[in-house]
């Protein structure tokens, strides 16, 4: 993917170590005070087609977007308990894929959170 496609500066966030980000045993992705920035990266944010379903961690989730970025030490470590912030938008990470396991590009399958 050319650099021009990665035009969105996104912030990769993880739960703060001192914060309880669970509500009834589920991660609360909407409470901004409980999250800390890990790093910012330029990425392509690509909407998925409506009604597309994929399996992730034994639960069915509607994937709304794929976020594509260059692979590096940090992006390969992104976990499904982390989230992506782009402006006022928030994305729950469903899966992190290292494309062709070549350590060149990461694709994050995400669900946009409605606030």
Protein backbone atom coordinates (compact mmCIF):
# COMPACT_ATOMS: atom_id res chain seq x y z
CA UNK A 1 0.00 0.00 0.00
CA UNK A 2 1.36 3.41 -0.95
CA UNK A 3 2.05 6.03 1.70
CA UNK A 4 -0.71 8.28 0.32
CA UNK A 5 -3.35 5.77 1.40
CA UNK A 6 -2.24 5.97 5.03
CA UNK A 7 -3.42 9.52 5.62
CA UNK A 8 -5.23 9.16 8.96
CA UNK A 9 -3.15 9.85 12.08
CA UNK A 10 -4.57 7.40 14.62
CA UNK A 11 -3.75 6.93 18.29
CA UNK A 12 -3.29 3.42 19.61
CA UNK A 13 -4.50 3.26 23.21
CA UNK A 14 -4.43 0.69 25.99
CA UNK A 15 -6.19 0.57 29.37
CA UNK A 16 -4.34 2.49 32.09
CA UNK A 17 -2.72 0.14 34.59
CA UNK A 18 -4.52 1.81 37.51
CA UNK A 19 -7.95 1.88 35.86
CA UNK A 20 -10.76 -0.64 36.06
CA UNK A 21 -12.05 -0.71 32.49
CA UNK A 22 -14.50 -3.54 32.93
CA UNK A 23 -18.26 -3.25 33.29
CA UNK A 24 -19.98 -6.52 34.15
CA UNK A 25 -16.85 -8.38 33.04
CA UNK A 26 -16.67 -6.63 29.64
CA UNK A 27 -14.21 -3.93 28.59
CA UNK A 28 -15.71 -0.42 28.60
CA UNK A 29 -14.22 1.14 25.47
CA UNK A 30 -16.12 4.43 25.93
CA UNK A 31 -14.57 5.77 29.18
CA UNK A 32 -11.73 7.98 27.85
CA UNK A 33 -10.28 8.64 31.33
CA UNK A 34 -9.35 4.95 31.67
CA UNK A 35 -7.17 4.84 28.54
CA UNK A 36 -3.62 5.96 27.78
CA UNK A 37 -1.95 6.60 24.45
CA UNK A 38 0.72 4.11 23.41
CA UNK A 39 1.77 5.60 20.09
CA UNK A 40 0.45 7.39 17.01
CA UNK A 41 0.73 5.95 13.52
CA UNK A 42 -0.51 6.91 10.07
CA UNK A 43 -3.09 4.43 8.82
CA UNK A 44 -5.74 3.82 6.19
CA UNK A 45 -9.25 3.52 7.64
CA UNK A 46 -11.39 1.43 5.31
CA UNK A 47 -15.12 0.85 5.91
CA UNK A 48 -16.33 -2.72 5.53
CA UNK A 49 -19.51 -3.57 3.71
CA UNK A 50 -22.69 -3.69 5.82
CA UNK A 51 -23.73 -7.02 7.27
CA UNK A 52 -20.28 -8.57 7.10
CA UNK A 53 -19.76 -11.00 9.98
CA UNK A 54 -16.61 -12.82 11.02
CA UNK A 55 -15.72 -15.00 13.97
CA UNK A 56 -13.37 -13.56 16.58
CA UNK A 57 -12.56 -15.11 19.95
CA UNK A 58 -15.67 -17.33 19.99
CA UNK A 59 -18.09 -14.38 19.71
CA UNK A 60 -19.71 -12.98 16.62
CA UNK A 61 -18.93 -9.31 16.02
CA UNK A 62 -19.85 -6.98 13.20
CA UNK A 63 -16.66 -5.68 11.65
CA UNK A 64 -17.24 -2.13 10.49
CA UNK A 65 -13.72 -1.11 9.46
CA UNK A 66 -10.28 -2.38 8.64
CA UNK A 67 -7.41 -0.16 9.75
CA UNK A 68 -4.18 -0.74 7.81
CA UNK A 69 -0.74 0.47 8.92
CA UNK A 70 2.92 -0.34 8.53
CA UNK A 71 4.17 -3.12 10.74
CA UNK A 72 6.68 -2.33 13.47
CA UNK A 73 7.58 -3.54 16.95
CA UNK A 74 4.63 -1.68 18.54
CA UNK A 75 1.93 -2.43 15.96
CA UNK A 76 2.72 -6.16 16.05
CA UNK A 77 2.02 -6.08 19.83
CA UNK A 78 -1.47 -4.52 19.57
CA UNK A 79 -3.96 -6.55 21.59
CA UNK A 80 -7.72 -6.95 21.35
CA UNK A 81 -8.02 -5.26 24.75
CA UNK A 82 -6.63 -2.05 23.20
CA UNK A 83 -8.49 0.47 21.02
CA UNK A 84 -7.89 2.94 18.21
CA UNK A 85 -8.83 6.63 18.46
CA UNK A 86 -9.17 8.84 15.40
CA UNK A 87 -10.39 12.31 16.32
CA UNK A 88 -13.68 11.81 18.18
CA UNK A 89 -14.10 8.28 16.80
CA UNK A 90 -13.24 5.11 18.74
CA UNK A 91 -12.65 1.61 17.36
CA UNK A 92 -12.66 -1.67 19.26
CA UNK A 93 -9.98 -4.02 17.92
CA UNK A 94 -11.38 -7.45 17.06
CA UNK A 95 -8.23 -8.89 15.46
CA UNK A 96 -4.66 -7.84 14.60
CA UNK A 97 -3.28 -9.53 11.50
CA UNK A 98 0.34 -9.46 10.32
CA UNK A 99 -0.23 -9.73 6.56
CA UNK A 100 1.47 -12.78 5.10
CA UNK A 101 3.54 -12.88 8.34
CA UNK A 102 6.13 -10.70 6.62
CA UNK A 103 6.29 -7.95 9.31
CA UNK A 104 5.55 -5.29 6.71
CA UNK A 105 1.86 -4.45 7.19
CA UNK A 106 -0.69 -4.85 9.99
CA UNK A 107 -4.45 -5.01 9.40
CA UNK A 108 -6.70 -4.39 12.37
CA UNK A 109 -10.25 -5.67 12.04
CA UNK A 110 -12.34 -3.23 14.06
CA UNK A 111 -15.83 -2.30 15.16
CA UNK A 112 -16.57 1.42 15.42
CA UNK A 113 -18.02 2.34 18.80
CA UNK A 114 -21.10 4.49 18.77
CA UNK A 115 -21.24 7.09 21.54
